Amino acid sequence: MRRKPIELAAIATAAVPGLTPTAVSSAPDDPADFDSALLLDSEGKRWRVRSPRHAEASARLETEFLVLRAFAPAVRAELPFLMPTVAGSVRLGTLSTFVYSHLSGTTRSVEELTSGPGSVAREIGTALAAIHDLPRSLVSNADLPSYTPNEFRQRRLNELDQAATTGKIPAALLRRWEHAMEDVSLWRFNPCVVHGDLHEDNLLIEAGRVTAVTGWTDLRIGDPADDFAWLVASNEQDFVDAVLKAYTAGRRDAPDQHLLRRAALSAEFALAQYLVKGLAADDEAMVSEAEGMLESLASDIAEFGGQPISVEPLPDPSRPDNAEAAAPVPAESSASAASPTPAHSGSSPAVTVVPVPAEPAAPAQPAVHVTPIPVEEAPDTEDGTPTIKGPDDTSTAAISVINVKQG
């Protein structure tokens, strides 16, 4: 059930004692997960209300509360932007609604950001660098997720398997994503603190500056490329390059060379994650929207090639050599694979093979000439009968004779 802004205002009065709203308006947020509103109170102060639409979203808000509490004043003071502060919360049934103190600045669409002044790109790059350079202890102390590169890659492969079982992902996209996820050279990066849900609605801009970053529900240690996915999805390469330049200059660690490839993969794969999420929520409109976007993506890639995501090029299944390499050969047909092509088959071999004349067979000769080891006589028994080692003795088992046959 969606909550209207006026309902959120009423909830906020229960979360923050003494709050008296005088005006309310809707605020941009993730509509599949949250209802959100901006409030103005009787003293002229502004507040933001976020109300979850389901249990998972409520858990994310509670995680964000723990994250924000972990950001000590000393850590916040080092950041080039402001962060939200929780003013109060209220639990309605199984869901928790949170009220935050207002932060200056407004959200901008991707089109507004990419067409804005160059300072915006530099500000976003600097903000990303500051997030990724946060101490990793901030995440571990809050008991938040942490992934190594291989763990993160395996997690993506597991999600791909789950998406494939829906039967709603175009086969070309499944091949493209699986090839990238199995390309080990693509996944060599230094894990760092990642925002995890960064996009235009979580950036507040004022006078060409990033004044605040919100939406800290998915903080983790993982792949920094995830925070670039929304930028790569904009298809504004000049803007992405400007952000990356500022990011590289601001980071203590140099970014890996495949960061933008993984960001492009993350942007594409987000559509499959959105589909799975819609199916889990039994939201037909969400599923239909996801299917449409997936079909459009597959068509665009088929026509224009798409952004590069793999280091190793994806084999072209339309080429006969790749098709044969990809197709498994049945064991019973392997013996006949070398048979000449029948005349009625309508096809000719690419290379004409002329049989080499057979040479007279020479007698097989051992590669190593071995002289039999004389039989050793053991000491005589008590009755005077000599003891000879029998055929079961294995003292010569380490020596093998190899016959080399010509032909």
Protein backbone atom coordinates (compact mmCIF):
# COMPACT_ATOMS: atom_id res chain seq x y z
CA MET A 1 0.00 0.00 0.00
CA ARG A 2 1.35 3.38 -1.01
CA ARG A 3 1.28 6.24 1.48
CA LYS A 4 0.42 9.74 0.33
CA PRO A 5 2.60 12.70 1.41
CA ILE A 6 -0.10 13.90 3.82
CA GLU A 7 -0.09 10.47 5.50
CA LEU A 8 3.70 10.59 5.81
CA ALA A 9 3.41 14.00 7.45
CA ALA A 10 1.08 12.53 10.06
CA ILE A 11 3.49 9.64 10.70
CA ALA A 12 6.38 12.12 11.10
CA THR A 13 4.60 13.86 13.99
CA ALA A 14 4.60 10.56 15.86
CA ALA A 15 8.29 9.95 15.10
CA VAL A 16 9.53 13.41 16.14
CA PRO A 17 7.78 14.89 19.20
CA GLY A 18 6.91 18.55 18.75
CA LEU A 19 7.10 18.45 14.95
CA THR A 20 4.25 20.47 13.43
CA PRO A 21 4.14 20.19 9.62
CA THR A 22 2.79 23.18 7.73
CA ALA A 23 3.54 22.03 4.17
CA VAL A 24 4.36 18.73 2.50
CA SER A 25 5.38 17.54 -0.96
CA SER A 26 6.48 14.27 -2.51
CA ALA A 27 10.20 13.57 -2.84
CA PRO A 28 12.04 11.47 -5.42
CA ASP A 29 12.92 7.99 -4.19
CA ASP A 30 12.89 4.37 -5.28
CA PRO A 31 9.14 3.90 -5.85
CA ALA A 32 9.35 0.10 -5.70
CA ASP A 33 10.71 0.23 -2.16
CA PHE A 34 9.86 3.53 -0.48
CA ASP A 35 7.31 6.29 -0.15
CA SER A 36 9.02 9.59 0.57
CA ALA A 37 8.05 13.18 1.35
CA LEU A 38 9.56 16.55 2.24
CA LEU A 39 8.06 18.48 5.16
CA LEU A 40 8.17 22.11 6.25
CA ASP A 41 7.41 22.71 9.93
CA SER A 42 6.08 25.71 11.83
CA GLU A 43 9.61 26.94 12.56
CA GLY A 44 10.65 26.91 8.91
CA LYS A 45 12.78 23.75 9.23
CA ARG A 46 12.65 21.03 6.60
CA TRP A 47 12.48 17.28 7.13
CA ARG A 48 12.50 14.18 4.97
CA VAL A 49 10.31 11.12 5.63
CA ARG A 50 11.04 7.67 4.18
CA SER A 51 8.48 4.90 4.62
CA PRO A 52 9.17 1.33 3.40
CA ARG A 53 6.65 -0.48 1.24
CA HIS A 54 7.67 -4.00 2.29
CA ALA A 55 9.71 -5.86 4.91
CA GLU A 56 12.95 -5.93 2.88
CA ALA A 57 12.86 -2.16 2.39
CA SER A 58 12.21 -1.69 6.10
CA ALA A 59 15.27 -3.82 6.90
CA ARG A 60 17.33 -1.64 4.56
CA LEU A 61 16.25 1.51 6.40
CA GLU A 62 17.15 -0.05 9.73
CA THR A 63 20.55 -0.96 8.28
CA GLU A 64 20.98 2.62 7.12
CA PHE A 65 20.25 3.82 10.64
CA LEU A 66 23.12 1.65 11.91
CA VAL A 67 25.37 2.92 9.11
CA LEU A 68 24.68 6.57 9.83
CA ARG A 69 25.29 6.00 13.52
CA ALA A 70 28.68 4.44 12.65
CA PHE A 71 29.79 7.65 10.93
CA ALA A 72 31.37 9.43 13.87
CA PRO A 73 31.65 13.25 13.72
CA ALA A 74 35.37 12.96 12.95
CA VAL A 75 34.66 10.77 9.90
CA ARG A 76 31.89 13.04 8.67
CA ALA A 77 34.16 16.06 8.99
CA GLU A 78 36.59 14.52 6.47
CA LEU A 79 33.93 14.09 3.77
CA PRO A 80 33.40 16.76 1.09
CA PHE A 81 29.61 16.45 1.47
CA LEU A 82 26.99 16.19 4.22
CA MET A 83 25.21 13.03 5.32
CA PRO A 84 21.70 12.52 6.72
CA THR A 85 20.96 12.47 10.44
CA VAL A 86 18.04 10.42 11.79
CA ALA A 87 15.72 12.62 13.87
CA GLY A 88 13.26 9.88 14.83
CA SER A 89 11.47 6.73 13.77
CA VAL A 90 8.16 5.00 14.32
CA ARG A 91 7.16 1.39 13.81
CA LEU A 92 3.84 0.64 12.15
CA GLY A 93 3.17 -3.08 12.31
CA THR A 94 6.34 -4.74 11.01
CA LEU A 95 7.63 -1.70 9.08
CA SER A 96 9.71 1.20 10.39
CA THR A 97 9.40 4.75 9.02
CA PHE A 98 12.30 7.17 9.54
CA VAL A 99 12.44 10.96 9.66
CA TYR A 100 15.67 12.73 8.72
CA SER A 101 16.84 16.28 9.22
CA HIS A 102 16.76 18.16 5.92
CA LEU A 103 19.91 18.65 3.86
CA SER A 104 20.40 21.55 1.49
CA GLY A 105 20.39 20.98 -2.25
CA THR A 106 18.03 19.35 -4.71
CA THR A 107 18.14 16.22 -6.85
CA ARG A 108 18.73 16.51 -10.59
CA SER A 109 17.92 14.16 -13.44
CA VAL A 110 20.75 12.45 -15.30
CA GLU A 111 20.09 14.72 -18.28
CA GLU A 112 20.43 17.80 -16.09
CA LEU A 113 23.65 16.50 -14.55
CA THR A 114 25.30 15.59 -17.85
CA SER A 115 24.32 18.87 -19.51
CA GLY A 116 25.29 20.98 -16.49
CA PRO A 117 28.56 22.77 -15.79
CA GLY A 118 31.81 20.79 -15.74
CA SER A 119 32.12 21.40 -12.02
CA VAL A 120 29.29 18.91 -11.39
CA ALA A 121 31.26 16.05 -12.96
CA ARG A 122 34.32 16.96 -10.90
CA GLU A 123 32.23 17.14 -7.73
CA ILE A 124 30.71 13.70 -8.35
CA GLY A 125 34.16 12.22 -9.00
CA THR A 126 35.52 13.76 -5.80
CA ALA A 127 32.54 12.48 -3.80
CA LEU A 128 33.00 8.95 -5.17
CA ALA A 129 36.70 9.01 -4.31
CA ALA A 130 35.92 10.08 -0.74
CA ILE A 131 33.40 7.25 -0.30
CA HIS A 132 35.75 4.61 -1.69
CA ASP A 133 38.60 5.84 0.53
CA LEU A 134 36.56 5.49 3.73
CA PRO A 135 38.18 3.17 6.29
CA ARG A 136 37.09 -0.41 5.79
CA SER A 137 36.73 -0.79 9.55
CA LEU A 138 33.63 1.39 9.26
CA VAL A 139 31.90 -1.46 7.43
CA SER A 140 33.36 -4.37 9.38
CA ASN A 141 32.57 -2.78 12.76
CA ALA A 142 28.95 -2.36 11.69
CA ASP A 143 28.83 -6.04 10.66
CA LEU A 144 27.95 -5.15 7.07
CA PRO A 145 28.69 -7.34 4.01
CA SER A 146 32.25 -7.67 2.74
CA TYR A 147 33.26 -9.43 -0.49
CA THR A 148 36.57 -10.39 -2.07
CA PRO A 149 36.74 -10.07 -5.88
CA ASN A 150 36.18 -13.80 -6.37
CA GLU A 151 33.32 -13.89 -3.86
CA PHE A 152 31.70 -10.94 -5.59
CA ARG A 153 32.07 -12.58 -9.02
CA GLN A 154 30.59 -15.83 -7.73
CA ARG A 155 27.70 -13.90 -6.20
CA ARG A 156 26.99 -12.35 -9.60
CA LEU A 157 27.09 -15.79 -11.25
CA ASN A 158 24.59 -17.11 -8.70
CA GLU A 159 22.29 -14.17 -9.44
CA LEU A 160 22.65 -14.86 -13.16
CA ASP A 161 21.59 -18.48 -12.62
CA GLN A 162 18.56 -17.27 -10.69
CA ALA A 163 17.64 -14.80 -13.44
CA ALA A 164 18.05 -17.47 -16.13
CA THR A 165 15.51 -19.73 -14.42
CA THR A 166 12.78 -17.14 -15.06
CA GLY A 167 12.93 -17.89 -18.79
CA LYS A 168 12.38 -14.19 -19.47
CA ILE A 169 15.97 -13.09 -20.21
CA PRO A 170 16.95 -12.94 -23.92
CA ALA A 171 19.46 -15.69 -24.72
CA ALA A 172 21.92 -13.20 -26.24
CA LEU A 173 22.08 -11.27 -22.96
CA LEU A 174 22.59 -14.44 -20.92
CA ARG A 175 25.53 -15.43 -23.15
CA ARG A 176 27.01 -11.92 -22.99
CA TRP A 177 26.77 -11.66 -19.19
CA GLU A 178 27.97 -15.20 -18.50
CA HIS A 179 31.01 -14.67 -20.73
CA ALA A 180 31.91 -11.48 -18.83
CA MET A 181 31.38 -13.05 -15.42
CA GLU A 182 33.59 -16.00 -16.31
CA ASP A 183 36.34 -13.71 -17.67
CA VAL A 184 38.60 -13.89 -14.62
CA SER A 185 40.90 -11.09 -15.82
CA LEU A 186 37.96 -8.68 -15.59
CA TRP A 187 37.57 -9.25 -11.86
CA ARG A 188 40.97 -8.17 -10.57
CA PHE A 189 40.30 -5.15 -8.37
CA ASN A 190 40.99 -3.88 -4.88
CA PRO A 191 37.80 -4.10 -2.78
CA CYS A 192 36.86 -0.89 -0.99
CA VAL A 193 33.95 0.75 0.81
CA VAL A 194 31.08 1.06 -1.67
CA HIS A 195 27.89 3.13 -1.32
CA GLY A 196 25.98 0.39 -3.15
CA ASP A 197 22.91 2.42 -4.16
CA LEU A 198 24.41 5.51 -5.76
CA HIS A 199 22.37 7.25 -8.45
CA GLU A 200 21.06 10.70 -9.27
CA ASP A 201 18.26 10.61 -6.66
CA ASN A 202 20.80 10.15 -3.86
CA LEU A 203 22.88 13.19 -4.80
CA LEU A 204 21.86 16.67 -3.67
CA ILE A 205 23.22 19.49 -5.85
CA GLU A 206 23.38 23.19 -5.13
CA ALA A 207 25.27 25.86 -7.08
CA GLY A 208 27.20 23.26 -9.06
CA ARG A 209 28.33 21.40 -5.94
CA VAL A 210 27.43 18.04 -4.39
CA THR A 211 26.17 19.21 -1.03
CA ALA A 212 24.97 15.84 0.33
CA VAL A 213 24.82 12.11 -0.40
CA THR A 214 21.82 10.12 0.84
CA GLY A 215 20.48 6.55 0.57
CA TRP A 216 23.05 4.67 2.66
CA THR A 217 21.07 1.43 2.83
CA ASP A 218 23.53 -0.82 0.94
CA LEU A 219 26.95 0.14 2.29
CA ARG A 220 29.45 -2.71 1.90
CA ILE A 221 33.00 -3.64 0.98
CA GLY A 222 33.03 -4.71 -2.64
CA ASP A 223 33.51 -3.61 -6.22
CA PRO A 224 33.90 0.17 -6.72
CA ALA A 225 32.52 -0.26 -10.25
CA ASP A 226 29.00 -0.66 -8.82
CA ASP A 227 28.92 3.03 -7.88
CA PHE A 228 29.70 3.95 -11.51
CA ALA A 229 26.91 1.85 -13.07
CA TRP A 230 24.35 4.67 -13.17
CA LEU A 231 26.91 6.96 -14.84
CA VAL A 232 27.80 4.44 -17.54
CA ALA A 233 24.10 3.82 -18.18
CA SER A 234 23.73 7.50 -19.14
CA ASN A 235 25.70 6.85 -22.35
CA GLU A 236 27.34 10.26 -21.97
CA GLN A 237 30.97 9.24 -22.40
CA ASP A 238 32.44 12.74 -22.04
CA PHE A 239 30.65 13.16 -18.71
CA VAL A 240 31.78 9.72 -17.50
CA ASP A 241 35.38 10.51 -18.50
CA ALA A 242 35.27 13.80 -16.58
CA VAL A 243 33.94 12.04 -13.47
CA LEU A 244 36.58 9.32 -13.77
CA LYS A 245 39.36 11.88 -14.14
CA ALA A 246 38.36 13.67 -10.92
CA TYR A 247 37.85 10.31 -9.21
CA THR A 248 41.32 9.09 -10.17
CA ALA A 249 42.91 12.32 -8.95
CA GLY A 250 41.09 12.10 -5.61
CA ARG A 251 41.67 8.44 -4.76
CA ARG A 252 44.53 7.15 -2.69
CA ASP A 253 44.54 3.93 -4.76
CA ALA A 254 44.70 4.03 -8.55
CA PRO A 255 41.49 2.58 -10.06
CA ASP A 256 41.87 -0.65 -12.02
CA GLN A 257 41.79 -0.51 -15.80
CA HIS A 258 38.57 -2.55 -16.12
CA LEU A 259 36.44 -0.48 -13.74
CA LEU A 260 34.19 0.96 -16.47
CA ARG A 261 33.73 -2.45 -18.11
CA ARG A 262 32.37 -3.90 -14.86
CA ALA A 263 30.28 -0.77 -14.37
CA ALA A 264 28.68 -1.32 -17.78
CA LEU A 265 28.01 -4.96 -16.89
CA SER A 266 26.47 -3.89 -13.57
CA ALA A 267 24.23 -1.38 -15.37
CA GLU A 268 22.96 -4.03 -17.80
CA PHE A 269 22.55 -6.74 -15.20
CA ALA A 270 20.51 -4.39 -13.00
CA LEU A 271 17.62 -4.99 -15.43
CA ALA A 272 17.71 -8.73 -14.69
CA GLN A 273 17.81 -8.00 -10.96
CA TYR A 274 14.83 -5.70 -11.38
CA LEU A 275 12.94 -8.48 -13.18
CA VAL A 276 13.67 -11.01 -10.41
CA LYS A 277 12.59 -8.47 -7.82
CA GLY A 278 9.31 -7.89 -9.65
CA LEU A 279 8.60 -11.61 -9.87
CA ALA A 280 9.33 -12.05 -6.16
CA ALA A 281 6.92 -9.22 -5.35
CA ASP A 282 4.33 -10.59 -7.81
CA ASP A 283 4.22 -7.12 -9.39
CA GLU A 284 2.98 -7.59 -12.96
CA ALA A 285 3.63 -3.97 -13.95
CA MET A 286 7.21 -4.19 -12.68
CA VAL A 287 7.80 -7.49 -14.51
CA SER A 288 6.36 -6.13 -17.74
CA GLU A 289 8.53 -3.03 -17.52
CA ALA A 290 11.63 -5.14 -16.89
CA GLU A 291 10.88 -7.43 -19.83
CA GLY A 292 10.47 -4.43 -22.13
CA MET A 293 13.77 -2.92 -21.03
CA LEU A 294 15.57 -6.25 -21.45
CA GLU A 295 14.22 -6.68 -24.98
CA SER A 296 15.26 -3.12 -25.86
CA LEU A 297 18.74 -3.73 -24.49
CA ALA A 298 19.09 -6.96 -26.47
CA SER A 299 17.96 -5.21 -29.67
CA ASP A 300 20.36 -2.29 -29.14
CA ILE A 301 23.30 -4.63 -28.54
CA ALA A 302 22.40 -6.73 -31.60
CA GLU A 303 22.23 -3.59 -33.77
CA PHE A 304 25.00 -1.41 -32.35
CA GLY A 305 27.23 -3.81 -30.43
CA GLY A 306 26.74 -2.36 -26.96
CA GLN A 307 29.37 -1.15 -24.54
CA PRO A 308 32.38 -3.42 -24.06
CA ILE A 309 32.09 -5.45 -20.87
CA SER A 310 34.46 -8.40 -21.42
CA VAL A 311 38.24 -8.28 -21.75
CA GLU A 312 38.15 -11.35 -23.98
CA PRO A 313 35.85 -10.86 -27.00
CA LEU A 314 32.61 -12.81 -26.99
CA PRO A 315 32.71 -15.66 -29.54
CA ASP A 316 30.35 -15.13 -32.47
CA PRO A 317 27.88 -18.05 -32.42
CA SER A 318 27.00 -17.41 -36.09
CA ARG A 319 30.49 -18.42 -37.22
CA PRO A 320 30.76 -22.14 -38.04
CA ASP A 321 34.06 -22.59 -36.20
CA ASN A 322 32.70 -21.04 -33.00
CA ALA A 323 29.46 -22.99 -33.28
CA GLU A 324 31.36 -26.25 -33.61
CA ALA A 325 33.66 -25.34 -30.73
CA ALA A 326 30.70 -24.52 -28.50
CA ALA A 327 28.69 -27.63 -29.36
CA PRO A 328 29.62 -30.79 -27.45
CA VAL A 329 30.56 -33.77 -29.65
CA PRO A 330 28.78 -37.03 -28.72
CA ALA A 331 31.15 -39.79 -27.72
CA GLU A 332 29.70 -42.25 -30.25
CA SER A 333 30.26 -39.84 -33.13
CA SER A 334 33.82 -38.90 -32.23
CA ALA A 335 35.25 -41.92 -34.05
CA SER A 336 33.54 -40.94 -37.28
CA ALA A 337 34.49 -37.26 -37.07
CA ALA A 338 37.47 -37.82 -39.35
CA SER A 339 35.46 -39.61 -42.03
CA PRO A 340 35.46 -38.02 -45.52
CA THR A 341 32.54 -35.72 -46.31
CA PRO A 342 29.93 -37.60 -48.35
CA ALA A 343 29.56 -36.39 -51.92
CA HIS A 344 25.82 -35.81 -51.49
CA SER A 345 26.26 -33.60 -48.46
CA GLY A 346 26.54 -30.49 -50.63
CA SER A 347 29.58 -29.17 -48.77
CA SER A 348 33.32 -29.52 -49.37
CA PRO A 349 36.08 -29.63 -46.80
CA ALA A 350 37.98 -26.37 -46.39
CA VAL A 351 41.31 -28.21 -46.75
CA THR A 352 42.04 -31.08 -49.15
CA VAL A 353 44.02 -33.79 -47.41
CA VAL A 354 46.20 -36.08 -49.55
CA PRO A 355 47.07 -39.39 -47.88
CA VAL A 356 50.78 -39.91 -47.20
CA PRO A 357 52.07 -43.10 -48.94
CA ALA A 358 52.60 -45.79 -46.41
CA GLU A 359 56.19 -46.92 -45.88
CA PRO A 360 57.06 -50.60 -45.42
CA ALA A 361 56.55 -51.44 -41.84
CA ALA A 362 59.77 -52.09 -39.95
CA PRO A 363 60.01 -54.57 -37.15
CA ALA A 364 59.15 -52.97 -33.88
CA GLN A 365 62.26 -52.16 -31.83
CA PRO A 366 62.30 -51.43 -28.15
CA ALA A 367 63.29 -47.87 -27.32
CA VAL A 368 65.52 -49.20 -24.55
CA HIS A 369 67.49 -52.43 -24.80
CA VAL A 370 67.12 -54.16 -21.49
CA THR A 371 69.37 -57.04 -20.47
CA PRO A 372 67.57 -59.56 -18.26
CA ILE A 373 68.59 -59.32 -14.63
CA PRO A 374 70.18 -62.61 -13.50
CA VAL A 375 68.17 -64.56 -11.02
CA GLU A 376 69.65 -64.13 -7.58
CA GLU A 377 70.07 -67.17 -5.41
CA ALA A 378 68.98 -66.76 -1.85
CA PRO A 379 70.81 -68.53 0.98
CA ASP A 380 70.20 -72.26 1.17
CA THR A 381 67.47 -73.47 3.43
CA GLU A 382 68.16 -75.69 6.41
CA ASP A 383 67.74 -78.81 4.30
CA GLY A 384 70.28 -77.57 1.75
CA THR A 385 67.74 -76.69 -0.99
CA PRO A 386 68.54 -73.37 -2.73
CA THR A 387 65.78 -70.70 -2.62
CA ILE A 388 65.06 -68.82 -5.89
CA LYS A 389 62.89 -65.71 -6.10
CA GLY A 390 59.65 -66.52 -7.84
CA PRO A 391 57.54 -64.68 -10.38
CA ASP A 392 55.79 -62.63 -7.69
CA ASP A 393 58.94 -60.66 -6.87
CA THR A 394 58.48 -56.94 -7.79
CA SER A 395 62.04 -55.72 -7.56
CA THR A 396 62.06 -54.72 -11.25
CA ALA A 397 58.65 -53.02 -11.32
CA ALA A 398 60.20 -49.56 -11.55
CA ILE A 399 61.75 -50.36 -14.96
CA SER A 400 59.34 -50.20 -17.92
CA VAL A 401 59.99 -51.12 -21.54
CA ILE A 402 58.34 -48.93 -24.21
CA ASN A 403 58.00 -50.23 -27.77
CA VAL A 404 57.97 -47.54 -30.43
CA LYS A 405 56.05 -48.64 -33.52
CA GLN A 406 56.35 -46.91 -36.85
CA GLY A 407 53.35 -46.24 -39.00
